[in-house]
Amino acid sequence: MHAPRDAGVIVPDEAQDAPLSRNRDFLTVLTGQGISSVGDAVTFTAMPLLVLALTGSGLVMGIVGVLQTIPHLLVGMVAGALADRNDRRRMMLLADLGRAILTAAIPASIVVGLPTLWVIVLVSPPMAVLSTIFLAAYTAATPALVGRSRIAPATAVFEAVYSLGYIVGPIVAGQLAASVGPAATIGIDAGSFLVSAIALALVRRPLVPPPDRPPTRIVADIQEGISFVARHPVLRPLLLFWTAYSIVSAPLVAILTFLITRDRGMPASSLGLVLAAFGIGTVIGSLLTARLARNRAGLLMIGGNVVRGAVLAGAALSPTLEPILGLAFVAGLADSVVLVTYISLRASAAPDDLIGRVGSTMRTISVGLQPIGLLAGGAILDIVHGQGTLIATAAVAIAISAFALPSRGLREVQLRRAAQPG
């Protein structure tokens, strides 16, 4: 994805002191990512529709999802170490250019008559590698972009703007998928990667590691990041919670695709509306969470997951589109509470010289294990279809919060104190 999904090194004082509304580089990146998010949301909606149209199989949707996530497990920690020693802006820019080319290959396969499913299989892993590099560099760059004291509000703004794309993108994707086909629709995403790259090229502030960082071996860098997370009283339980959350969340779009288009017999445009309603909820949730997350942030995150599980169960039992739309909106609110709190806690708990590796260590494990959920969800879909799979997913989500609640490290953590280990 293009999503800004967290935050590196504090440089000029203006990064700390300038309000976000007067931070030129922040606004430039925000604009690029906002446009990019529309393309991201288009692919988010069109890809499962395309795979389902080509194969009719939930399991194949899961396999494609695995191809899009397993590279995170293989290269995530290396990407984090590289981000802590290289120019983060250049890493992000090159990753976006590469993803633009690879994404364009999917609609191009229709034009030249290549087997589209095999093109998806071939381009998905390298696209995931580039996504891992982008996210690692972004994680390391955000404090330099906005100042460490503004990580939480900047994260909330990024997530709100990104979520706006998930209001427009699914509607556009649903309509275009029905008229020109989902493969051609994905071409929008290629253009959005180019916009993101142009925005990054216009950033003037140096997004680089501390200049006095001593030379080290990359293996030692990776080990240092793993060790820091393993010893930290907040990051350790946070990683366990987020990994479980990520595994359960991984097949949700495939499940909703199956539920709406096959179980309920609704058109692809209905899926677009549901995802758009979710996007509206995430925009509002992102802005609210910036005000709520300071005190008992972990408890807020755990509770948000309970709410999300409950509304997913309600959506599974709803026979018509209208209640599903309302429940999708509430699910978006709850999802933003969980996501923004998690990102803010993770970024605040890591020192500047380790922030890229901390983010990538946690992302490598959480995203790298998503194939478990993707394959399990896809296989269950082929057996009990969308409704039964969504109910099971909701039950597991609530169980995750029940297991996390006894953890004092999560239950009592306050965002402003997250960086104080021990």
Protein backbone atom coordinates (compact mmCIF):
# COMPACT_ATOMS: atom_id res chain seq x y z
CA MET A 1 0.00 0.00 0.00
CA HIS A 2 0.89 3.63 -0.25
CA ALA A 3 -0.39 4.33 3.19
CA PRO A 4 1.55 6.47 5.57
CA ARG A 5 1.77 3.88 8.29
CA ASP A 6 4.01 5.61 10.87
CA ALA A 7 7.25 7.30 11.67
CA GLY A 8 12.91 8.82 12.07
CA VAL A 9 15.18 11.48 13.06
CA ILE A 10 14.65 15.02 14.23
CA VAL A 11 16.54 17.56 12.15
CA PRO A 12 15.91 21.31 11.89
CA ASP A 13 14.08 23.03 14.74
CA GLU A 14 11.34 24.00 12.31
CA ALA A 15 10.34 20.31 12.14
CA GLN A 16 9.62 20.49 15.86
CA ASP A 17 8.19 23.99 16.11
CA ALA A 18 6.23 24.56 12.91
CA PRO A 19 2.51 23.74 13.14
CA LEU A 20 1.49 21.06 10.70
CA SER A 21 -0.56 23.61 8.75
CA ARG A 22 2.62 25.64 8.04
CA ASN A 23 4.98 22.72 7.43
CA ARG A 24 5.50 22.84 3.64
CA ASP A 25 7.14 19.43 3.35
CA PHE A 26 4.49 17.75 5.50
CA LEU A 27 1.73 19.26 3.35
CA THR A 28 3.53 18.19 0.16
CA VAL A 29 3.82 14.58 1.31
CA LEU A 30 0.26 14.70 2.64
CA THR A 31 -1.06 15.82 -0.75
CA GLY A 32 0.85 13.12 -2.60
CA GLN A 33 -0.28 10.41 -0.20
CA GLY A 34 -3.87 11.64 -0.29
CA ILE A 35 -4.00 11.26 -4.08
CA SER A 36 -2.07 8.02 -3.85
CA SER A 37 -4.60 6.66 -1.37
CA VAL A 38 -7.34 6.88 -3.99
CA GLY A 39 -5.34 4.59 -6.26
CA ASP A 40 -4.58 2.33 -3.31
CA ALA A 41 -8.29 2.06 -2.51
CA VAL A 42 -9.10 1.30 -6.15
CA THR A 43 -6.76 -1.69 -6.16
CA PHE A 44 -7.94 -2.66 -2.66
CA THR A 45 -11.46 -3.00 -4.10
CA ALA A 46 -10.76 -4.15 -7.64
CA MET A 47 -8.13 -6.82 -6.97
CA PRO A 48 -10.36 -9.28 -5.05
CA LEU A 49 -13.15 -8.66 -7.58
CA LEU A 50 -10.71 -9.45 -10.39
CA VAL A 51 -9.37 -12.64 -8.81
CA LEU A 52 -12.86 -13.82 -7.88
CA ALA A 53 -14.05 -13.14 -11.44
CA LEU A 54 -11.10 -15.05 -12.90
CA THR A 55 -11.25 -18.07 -10.57
CA GLY A 56 -14.43 -18.03 -8.46
CA SER A 57 -12.35 -19.27 -5.52
CA GLY A 58 -11.89 -17.80 -2.05
CA LEU A 59 -8.74 -19.87 -1.62
CA VAL A 60 -7.15 -18.35 -4.72
CA MET A 61 -7.95 -14.90 -3.35
CA GLY A 62 -6.10 -15.97 -0.21
CA ILE A 63 -3.11 -17.21 -2.21
CA VAL A 64 -2.84 -13.90 -4.05
CA GLY A 65 -2.98 -12.18 -0.67
CA VAL A 66 -0.12 -14.38 0.55
CA LEU A 67 2.00 -13.34 -2.44
CA GLN A 68 1.34 -9.73 -1.47
CA THR A 69 2.40 -10.21 2.17
CA ILE A 70 5.04 -12.95 2.46
CA PRO A 71 7.87 -10.68 1.17
CA HIS A 72 7.38 -8.54 4.28
CA LEU A 73 8.51 -11.52 6.34
CA LEU A 74 11.54 -12.10 4.12
CA VAL A 75 12.87 -8.56 3.66
CA GLY A 76 11.15 -6.43 6.31
CA MET A 77 13.97 -6.32 8.84
CA VAL A 78 16.60 -5.68 6.17
CA ALA A 79 14.48 -2.79 4.88
CA GLY A 80 14.32 -1.33 8.37
CA ALA A 81 18.08 -1.53 8.81
CA LEU A 82 18.59 0.13 5.43
CA ALA A 83 16.20 2.93 6.38
CA ASP A 84 18.25 3.65 9.49
CA ARG A 85 21.39 4.19 7.40
CA ASN A 86 20.19 5.68 4.07
CA ASP A 87 18.29 8.64 2.64
CA ARG A 88 14.65 7.80 3.42
CA ARG A 89 13.20 10.20 0.82
CA ARG A 90 15.17 8.53 -1.99
CA MET A 91 14.11 5.07 -0.80
CA MET A 92 10.45 6.04 -0.88
CA LEU A 93 10.71 7.76 -4.26
CA LEU A 94 12.38 4.81 -5.98
CA ALA A 95 9.93 2.38 -4.39
CA ASP A 96 7.00 4.37 -5.76
CA LEU A 97 8.45 4.49 -9.27
CA GLY A 98 8.99 0.72 -9.24
CA ARG A 99 5.46 0.07 -8.01
CA ALA A 100 4.02 2.30 -10.72
CA ILE A 101 5.67 0.16 -13.43
CA LEU A 102 4.63 -3.16 -11.87
CA THR A 103 1.04 -2.07 -11.25
CA ALA A 104 0.68 -0.89 -14.84
CA ALA A 105 1.53 -4.43 -15.99
CA ILE A 106 -1.86 -5.71 -14.78
CA PRO A 107 -4.11 -3.60 -17.07
CA ALA A 108 -1.46 -3.89 -19.80
CA SER A 109 -1.93 -7.67 -19.73
CA ILE A 110 -5.48 -7.18 -21.01
CA VAL A 111 -4.28 -5.01 -23.89
CA VAL A 112 -1.57 -7.39 -25.09
CA GLY A 113 -3.49 -10.58 -24.38
CA LEU A 114 -1.39 -12.05 -21.57
CA PRO A 115 -2.98 -14.28 -18.89
CA THR A 116 -3.95 -11.70 -16.27
CA LEU A 117 -3.95 -14.06 -13.28
CA TRP A 118 -0.35 -15.09 -13.98
CA VAL A 119 0.68 -11.45 -14.37
CA ILE A 120 -0.83 -10.78 -10.93
CA VAL A 121 1.09 -13.74 -9.51
CA LEU A 122 4.36 -12.50 -11.05
CA VAL A 123 4.14 -8.83 -10.06
CA SER A 124 2.67 -9.25 -6.56
CA PRO A 125 5.88 -10.35 -4.75
CA PRO A 126 8.17 -7.58 -6.11
CA MET A 127 5.45 -5.03 -5.45
CA ALA A 128 5.30 -6.23 -1.86
CA VAL A 129 9.09 -5.92 -1.56
CA LEU A 130 8.91 -2.31 -2.76
CA SER A 131 6.01 -1.64 -0.40
CA THR A 132 8.12 -2.97 2.48
CA ILE A 133 10.97 -0.63 1.53
CA PHE A 134 8.60 2.33 1.27
CA LEU A 135 7.01 1.69 4.66
CA ALA A 136 10.37 1.18 6.37
CA ALA A 137 11.64 4.49 5.00
CA TYR A 138 8.42 6.25 5.91
CA THR A 139 8.57 4.90 9.45
CA ALA A 140 12.07 6.30 9.83
CA ALA A 141 11.28 9.65 8.19
CA THR A 142 8.14 10.97 9.85
CA PRO A 143 9.66 12.53 13.00
CA ALA A 144 12.14 14.37 10.78
CA LEU A 145 9.23 15.55 8.68
CA VAL A 146 7.05 16.86 11.53
CA GLY A 147 9.08 16.72 14.78
CA ARG A 148 8.78 14.00 17.40
CA SER A 149 6.35 16.03 19.51
CA ARG A 150 3.89 16.05 16.61
CA ILE A 151 3.97 12.33 15.72
CA ALA A 152 0.50 11.59 17.12
CA PRO A 153 -1.38 14.51 15.46
CA ALA A 154 0.54 14.02 12.21
CA THR A 155 -0.30 10.31 12.23
CA ALA A 156 -3.96 11.13 12.79
CA VAL A 157 -3.98 13.64 9.92
CA PHE A 158 -2.17 11.22 7.60
CA GLU A 159 -4.63 8.45 8.44
CA ALA A 160 -7.63 10.76 8.03
CA VAL A 161 -6.47 11.95 4.60
CA TYR A 162 -5.51 8.45 3.58
CA SER A 163 -8.93 7.25 4.64
CA LEU A 164 -10.56 9.90 2.46
CA GLY A 165 -9.17 7.94 -0.48
CA TYR A 166 -11.07 4.94 0.83
CA ILE A 167 -14.29 6.89 0.50
CA VAL A 168 -13.75 7.89 -3.13
CA GLY A 169 -11.65 4.94 -4.33
CA PRO A 170 -14.04 2.04 -3.62
CA ILE A 171 -16.97 3.87 -5.23
CA VAL A 172 -14.88 4.61 -8.33
CA ALA A 173 -13.57 1.04 -8.40
CA GLY A 174 -17.02 -0.48 -8.01
CA GLN A 175 -18.45 1.56 -10.87
CA LEU A 176 -15.48 1.10 -13.21
CA ALA A 177 -15.16 -2.62 -12.43
CA ALA A 178 -18.75 -3.06 -13.55
CA SER A 179 -18.24 -1.05 -16.75
CA VAL A 180 -14.64 -1.57 -17.98
CA GLY A 181 -13.59 -4.51 -15.81
CA PRO A 182 -11.49 -4.69 -12.63
CA ALA A 183 -8.17 -5.20 -14.46
CA ALA A 184 -8.41 -1.92 -16.37
CA THR A 185 -9.59 -0.18 -13.20
CA ILE A 186 -6.32 -1.03 -11.43
CA GLY A 187 -4.51 1.23 -13.92
CA ILE A 188 -5.56 4.20 -11.75
CA ASP A 189 -3.24 2.91 -9.04
CA ALA A 190 -0.20 3.07 -11.32
CA GLY A 191 -0.80 6.76 -11.93
CA SER A 192 -1.22 7.43 -8.22
CA PHE A 193 2.22 5.95 -7.49
CA LEU A 194 3.69 8.47 -9.92
CA VAL A 195 1.94 11.32 -8.11
CA SER A 196 3.38 10.12 -4.81
CA ALA A 197 6.88 10.00 -6.32
CA ILE A 198 6.57 13.55 -7.65
CA ALA A 199 5.47 14.82 -4.23
CA LEU A 200 8.45 13.15 -2.56
CA ALA A 201 10.79 14.72 -5.13
CA LEU A 202 9.57 18.15 -3.99
CA VAL A 203 10.41 17.60 -0.31
CA ARG A 204 13.27 19.89 0.75
CA ARG A 205 13.89 18.81 4.35
CA PRO A 206 16.62 16.13 4.67
CA LEU A 207 15.06 12.83 5.73
CA VAL A 208 18.33 11.14 6.65
CA PRO A 209 19.79 9.23 9.64
CA PRO A 210 21.73 11.06 12.38
CA PRO A 211 25.06 12.22 10.86
CA ASP A 212 27.09 10.89 13.78
CA ARG A 213 25.72 7.36 13.55
CA PRO A 214 28.69 4.94 13.87
CA PRO A 215 29.27 2.40 11.06
CA THR A 216 27.84 -1.02 11.84
CA ARG A 217 27.09 -4.31 10.15
CA ILE A 218 23.55 -4.71 8.86
CA VAL A 219 23.10 -8.01 10.75
CA ALA A 220 24.06 -6.28 13.99
CA ASP A 221 21.57 -3.50 13.19
CA ILE A 222 18.78 -6.04 12.72
CA GLN A 223 19.66 -7.80 15.95
CA GLU A 224 19.65 -4.52 17.84
CA GLY A 225 16.13 -3.72 16.61
CA ILE A 226 14.82 -7.17 17.55
CA SER A 227 16.43 -6.98 20.98
CA PHE A 228 14.97 -3.55 21.70
CA VAL A 229 11.43 -4.69 20.88
CA ALA A 230 11.82 -7.94 22.84
CA ARG A 231 12.94 -6.12 26.01
CA HIS A 232 10.55 -3.18 25.87
CA PRO A 233 7.61 -3.46 28.34
CA VAL A 234 5.18 -1.76 25.93
CA LEU A 235 6.43 -2.80 22.50
CA ARG A 236 6.53 -6.50 23.37
CA PRO A 237 2.80 -6.90 24.27
CA LEU A 238 1.91 -4.33 21.60
CA LEU A 239 3.55 -6.56 18.99
CA LEU A 240 1.64 -9.63 20.18
CA PHE A 241 -1.66 -7.78 20.05
CA TRP A 242 -1.03 -6.20 16.65
CA THR A 243 0.19 -9.44 15.10
CA ALA A 244 -2.96 -11.27 16.15
CA TYR A 245 -5.06 -8.31 14.95
CA SER A 246 -3.27 -8.31 11.58
CA ILE A 247 -3.71 -12.05 11.01
CA VAL A 248 -7.45 -11.85 11.69
CA SER A 249 -7.88 -8.69 9.59
CA ALA A 250 -5.94 -9.96 6.56
CA PRO A 251 -8.80 -11.80 4.77
CA LEU A 252 -11.55 -9.27 5.57
CA VAL A 253 -11.80 -7.73 2.09
CA ALA A 254 -11.98 -11.17 0.49
CA ILE A 255 -14.65 -12.18 3.02
CA LEU A 256 -16.71 -9.05 2.34
CA THR A 257 -16.32 -9.55 -1.40
CA PHE A 258 -17.71 -13.07 -1.08
CA LEU A 259 -20.46 -12.05 1.37
CA ILE A 260 -21.77 -9.17 -0.73
CA THR A 261 -21.36 -10.42 -4.31
CA ARG A 262 -21.98 -14.15 -3.80
CA ASP A 263 -23.94 -14.70 -0.56
CA ARG A 264 -26.15 -11.62 -0.93
CA GLY A 265 -26.07 -11.44 -4.75
CA MET A 266 -25.36 -7.70 -4.79
CA PRO A 267 -23.41 -5.94 -7.58
CA ALA A 268 -19.76 -4.93 -7.34
CA SER A 269 -20.85 -1.33 -6.76
CA SER A 270 -22.37 -2.41 -3.43
CA LEU A 271 -18.96 -3.60 -2.27
CA GLY A 272 -17.60 -0.19 -3.23
CA LEU A 273 -20.26 1.52 -1.11
CA VAL A 274 -19.52 -0.69 1.90
CA LEU A 275 -15.80 0.04 1.70
CA ALA A 276 -16.54 3.74 1.24
CA ALA A 277 -18.71 3.75 4.38
CA PHE A 278 -15.83 2.11 6.20
CA GLY A 279 -13.57 4.86 4.84
CA ILE A 280 -15.84 7.61 6.16
CA GLY A 281 -15.67 5.99 9.58
CA THR A 282 -11.88 5.82 9.48
CA VAL A 283 -11.60 9.54 8.63
CA ILE A 284 -13.69 10.56 11.62
CA GLY A 285 -12.07 7.94 13.84
CA SER A 286 -8.57 9.14 12.96
CA LEU A 287 -9.38 12.71 13.95
CA LEU A 288 -11.10 11.67 17.18
CA THR A 289 -8.30 9.34 18.21
CA ALA A 290 -5.74 12.15 18.13
CA ARG A 291 -7.68 13.72 21.03
CA LEU A 292 -8.44 10.52 22.93
CA ALA A 293 -5.21 8.52 22.75
CA ARG A 294 -3.07 10.37 25.31
CA ASN A 295 -4.45 8.67 28.41
CA ARG A 296 -4.78 4.91 28.66
CA ALA A 297 -3.97 4.55 24.98
CA GLY A 298 -3.60 0.78 25.21
CA LEU A 299 -7.00 0.36 26.83
CA LEU A 300 -8.52 2.49 24.09
CA MET A 301 -6.90 0.27 21.47
CA ILE A 302 -8.13 -2.95 23.10
CA GLY A 303 -11.66 -1.58 23.41
CA GLY A 304 -11.69 -0.41 19.81
CA ASN A 305 -10.98 -3.95 18.68
CA VAL A 306 -13.92 -5.28 20.73
CA VAL A 307 -16.26 -2.80 19.04
CA ARG A 308 -14.95 -3.73 15.62
CA GLY A 309 -15.51 -7.43 16.28
CA ALA A 310 -19.08 -6.82 17.42
CA VAL A 311 -20.03 -4.79 14.35
CA LEU A 312 -18.46 -7.34 12.00
CA ALA A 313 -20.74 -9.98 13.51
CA GLY A 314 -23.68 -7.65 12.98
CA ALA A 315 -22.72 -7.13 9.34
CA ALA A 316 -22.54 -10.88 8.80
CA LEU A 317 -26.11 -11.28 10.05
CA SER A 318 -27.55 -8.33 8.08
CA PRO A 319 -29.57 -9.43 5.03
CA THR A 320 -29.67 -6.08 3.22
CA LEU A 321 -27.20 -3.39 2.21
CA GLU A 322 -28.43 -0.52 4.40
CA PRO A 323 -27.54 -1.97 7.83
CA ILE A 324 -24.23 -3.26 6.45
CA LEU A 325 -23.35 0.30 5.40
CA GLY A 326 -24.05 1.63 8.90
CA LEU A 327 -22.06 -1.13 10.56
CA ALA A 328 -19.18 -0.60 8.11
CA PHE A 329 -19.06 3.04 9.21
CA VAL A 330 -18.78 2.03 12.88
CA ALA A 331 -16.16 -0.57 11.99
CA GLY A 332 -14.13 2.18 10.34
CA LEU A 333 -14.32 4.30 13.49
CA ALA A 334 -13.11 1.39 15.60
CA ASP A 335 -10.39 0.43 13.14
CA SER A 336 -8.92 3.94 13.25
CA VAL A 337 -8.88 3.89 17.05
CA VAL A 338 -6.82 0.71 16.96
CA LEU A 339 -4.52 1.73 14.10
CA VAL A 340 -3.69 5.31 15.08
CA THR A 341 -3.09 4.32 18.71
CA TYR A 342 -0.83 1.44 17.67
CA ILE A 343 1.24 3.58 15.30
CA SER A 344 1.59 6.41 17.80
CA LEU A 345 2.65 4.08 20.61
CA ARG A 346 5.16 2.30 18.40
CA ALA A 347 6.73 5.48 17.07
CA SER A 348 6.83 7.18 20.48
CA ALA A 349 8.49 4.21 22.14
CA ALA A 350 11.46 4.02 19.74
CA PRO A 351 14.55 6.30 19.86
CA ASP A 352 15.54 8.16 16.70
CA ASP A 353 18.44 5.89 15.75
CA LEU A 354 16.29 2.74 16.09
CA ILE A 355 12.91 3.87 14.83
CA GLY A 356 13.23 2.35 11.36
CA ARG A 357 14.32 -1.00 12.73
CA VAL A 358 11.68 -1.05 15.48
CA GLY A 359 8.95 -0.33 12.95
CA SER A 360 10.22 -2.91 10.48
CA THR A 361 10.76 -5.57 13.15
CA MET A 362 7.15 -5.24 14.26
CA ARG A 363 5.83 -4.94 10.71
CA THR A 364 7.86 -7.95 9.53
CA ILE A 365 6.27 -10.16 12.16
CA SER A 366 2.73 -8.80 11.98
CA VAL A 367 2.46 -8.50 8.19
CA GLY A 368 4.70 -11.51 7.55
CA LEU A 369 2.30 -13.76 9.45
CA GLN A 370 -0.80 -12.47 7.64
CA PRO A 371 -0.63 -15.42 5.18
CA ILE A 372 -1.95 -17.55 8.04
CA GLY A 373 -5.15 -15.51 8.08
CA LEU A 374 -5.32 -15.18 4.30
CA LEU A 375 -5.06 -18.91 3.65
CA ALA A 376 -7.32 -19.88 6.54
CA GLY A 377 -9.92 -17.29 5.55
CA GLY A 378 -9.81 -18.30 1.90
CA ALA A 379 -10.19 -21.99 2.71
CA ILE A 380 -13.06 -21.36 5.13
CA LEU A 381 -14.78 -19.18 2.53
CA ASP A 382 -14.94 -22.10 0.12
CA ILE A 383 -16.56 -24.22 2.85
CA VAL A 384 -18.99 -21.99 4.77
CA HIS A 385 -19.06 -18.92 2.47
CA GLY A 386 -18.98 -15.29 3.54
CA GLN A 387 -21.43 -15.14 6.44
CA GLY A 388 -19.98 -18.00 8.45
CA THR A 389 -16.41 -16.83 7.83
CA LEU A 390 -17.20 -13.27 8.94
CA ILE A 391 -18.88 -14.46 12.14
CA ALA A 392 -15.83 -16.60 12.96
CA THR A 393 -13.55 -13.64 12.26
CA ALA A 394 -15.56 -11.40 14.59
CA ALA A 395 -15.42 -13.96 17.39
CA VAL A 396 -11.64 -14.32 17.11
CA ALA A 397 -11.20 -10.52 17.07
CA ILE A 398 -13.07 -10.17 20.36
CA ALA A 399 -11.07 -13.06 21.84
CA ILE A 400 -7.82 -11.21 20.99
CA SER A 401 -8.87 -8.25 23.14
CA ALA A 402 -9.90 -10.59 25.95
CA PHE A 403 -6.41 -12.13 25.97
CA ALA A 404 -4.72 -8.70 25.75
CA LEU A 405 -6.65 -7.08 28.60
CA PRO A 406 -4.67 -8.70 31.47
CA SER A 407 -1.42 -7.22 30.11
CA ARG A 408 -0.57 -4.31 32.40
CA GLY A 409 1.93 -2.99 29.85
CA LEU A 410 -0.90 -2.41 27.36
CA ARG A 411 -3.76 -1.71 29.72
CA GLU A 412 -2.08 1.19 31.55
CA VAL A 413 0.28 2.69 28.98
CA GLN A 414 -0.09 6.41 28.31
CA LEU A 415 1.11 7.74 24.99
CA ARG A 416 3.33 10.44 26.47
CA ARG A 417 5.11 7.82 28.58
CA ALA A 418 5.46 5.10 25.97
CA ALA A 419 9.10 5.96 25.32
CA GLN A 420 10.11 5.25 28.91
CA PRO A 421 11.07 1.56 29.07
CA GLY A 422 10.90 -0.20 32.39
